[in-house]
Amino acid sequence: MFEEQKKDAVEKIKWVWWFLKEELPQFLSNWRTVPRIMMVLYGIVFYNTMQWFMALENPNNAQAGFVSVVVGAGAAWFGLYVNGKSSKVQSSKKFKDTSIG
C-alpha cells in the first residue's frame, strides 16, 4: 500500500514538474500573459491617478508633473506592448502518464 501511494506521489510530482517546465512557459509566452497583466495594472494606476488629481482643489506644478509622468510612462509601456512579439515557446516533449494502462 505504501509503495502504491509513493508511486502515485512521484507521478504527481513528475506531472507538476513537467507542467511548470513545459506548459507554463509556453502559455505565458504565447498568450503574452505578463504584458497583459501589466497593462491592466497600469490602467488601474492611471485611473486612480486621474481620480486623485481631479479631486484636488488647487493642484500645483509638482502634482501636475507627477500626473504627466504617469501618463508618459503609460504611453511608453503601451508602445512596448504593441510592438512586442511573443516568442512562441514550443514544448520539447509531451508528458507520458505511465499510471494509465
Protein backbone atom coordinates (compact mmCIF):
# COMPACT_ATOMS: atom_id res chain seq x y z
CA MET A 1 0.00 0.00 0.00
CA PHE A 2 2.78 2.42 0.89
CA GLU A 3 4.58 1.64 -2.37
CA GLU A 4 1.42 2.45 -4.35
CA GLN A 5 0.99 5.79 -2.56
CA LYS A 6 4.66 6.57 -3.11
CA LYS A 7 4.33 5.77 -6.82
CA ASP A 8 1.24 8.00 -7.10
CA ALA A 9 3.03 10.84 -5.31
CA VAL A 10 6.05 10.52 -7.59
CA GLU A 11 3.81 10.58 -10.67
CA LYS A 12 2.03 13.71 -9.41
CA ILE A 13 5.36 15.42 -8.73
CA LYS A 14 6.59 14.46 -12.21
CA TRP A 15 3.42 15.86 -13.76
CA VAL A 16 3.70 19.16 -11.82
CA TRP A 17 7.37 19.49 -12.78
CA TRP A 18 6.55 18.80 -16.44
CA PHE A 19 3.75 21.37 -16.34
CA LEU A 20 5.99 24.03 -14.81
CA LYS A 21 8.83 23.26 -17.22
CA GLU A 22 6.90 22.79 -20.49
CA GLU A 23 3.35 24.14 -20.42
CA LEU A 24 3.54 27.21 -18.18
CA PRO A 25 6.33 28.98 -20.14
CA GLN A 26 4.52 28.24 -23.40
CA PHE A 27 1.26 29.66 -22.05
CA LEU A 28 2.92 32.77 -20.58
CA SER A 29 4.83 33.49 -23.78
CA ASN A 30 2.33 32.60 -26.49
CA TRP A 31 -0.60 34.32 -24.79
CA ARG A 32 1.59 37.25 -23.61
CA THR A 33 0.10 36.93 -20.15
CA VAL A 34 2.58 39.09 -18.23
CA PRO A 35 2.33 42.12 -20.58
CA ARG A 36 -1.46 41.91 -20.48
CA ILE A 37 -1.47 41.82 -16.69
CA MET A 38 0.91 44.78 -16.65
CA MET A 39 -1.42 46.74 -18.97
CA VAL A 40 -4.38 46.07 -16.68
CA LEU A 41 -2.37 47.18 -13.65
CA TYR A 42 -1.27 50.33 -15.48
CA GLY A 43 -4.91 51.06 -16.29
CA ILE A 44 -5.77 50.84 -12.60
CA VAL A 45 -2.86 53.14 -11.67
CA PHE A 46 -3.85 55.60 -14.41
CA TYR A 47 -7.49 55.65 -13.28
CA ASN A 48 -6.58 56.17 -9.62
CA THR A 49 -4.09 58.91 -10.51
CA MET A 50 -6.67 60.77 -12.59
CA GLN A 51 -9.29 60.47 -9.86
CA TRP A 52 -6.81 61.79 -7.29
CA PHE A 53 -5.72 64.67 -9.50
CA MET A 54 -9.25 65.74 -10.42
CA ALA A 55 -10.24 65.70 -6.75
CA LEU A 56 -7.52 68.21 -5.83
CA GLU A 57 -8.86 71.68 -5.13
CA ASN A 58 -5.73 73.58 -6.14
CA PRO A 59 -3.19 71.33 -7.88
CA ASN A 60 0.37 72.65 -8.04
CA ASN A 61 3.12 72.10 -10.61
CA ALA A 62 4.62 69.12 -8.77
CA GLN A 63 1.29 67.29 -8.76
CA ALA A 64 0.72 68.07 -12.43
CA GLY A 65 4.24 66.83 -13.16
CA PHE A 66 3.51 63.58 -11.36
CA VAL A 67 0.39 63.03 -13.49
CA SER A 68 2.41 63.84 -16.61
CA VAL A 69 4.99 61.20 -15.69
CA VAL A 70 2.29 58.57 -15.09
CA VAL A 71 0.65 59.33 -18.45
CA GLY A 72 4.01 59.39 -20.28
CA ALA A 73 5.06 56.10 -18.73
CA GLY A 74 1.79 54.58 -19.90
CA ALA A 75 2.37 55.76 -23.46
CA ALA A 76 5.85 54.23 -23.44
CA TRP A 77 4.61 50.99 -21.90
CA PHE A 78 1.76 50.73 -24.41
CA GLY A 79 4.21 51.24 -27.27
CA LEU A 80 6.37 48.41 -25.99
CA TYR A 81 3.33 46.18 -25.57
CA VAL A 82 2.00 46.81 -29.07
CA ASN A 83 5.38 46.41 -30.79
CA GLY A 84 6.44 43.35 -28.78
CA LYS A 85 6.24 39.86 -30.20
CA SER A 86 5.55 36.59 -28.44
CA SER A 87 8.48 34.22 -28.51
CA LYS A 88 6.49 31.09 -29.47
CA VAL A 89 7.88 28.67 -26.93
CA GLN A 90 7.47 25.12 -28.19
CA SER A 91 7.14 22.07 -25.96
CA SER A 92 10.02 19.68 -26.40
CA LYS A 93 8.02 16.59 -25.46
CA LYS A 94 4.62 15.53 -24.26
CA PHE A 95 4.04 14.20 -20.77
CA LYS A 96 3.65 10.43 -20.70
CA ASP A 97 1.44 9.28 -17.89
CA THR A 98 2.66 5.79 -17.06
CA SER A 99 -0.07 5.14 -14.49
CA ILE A 100 -2.76 4.80 -17.19
CA GLY A 101 -2.88 1.41 -18.92
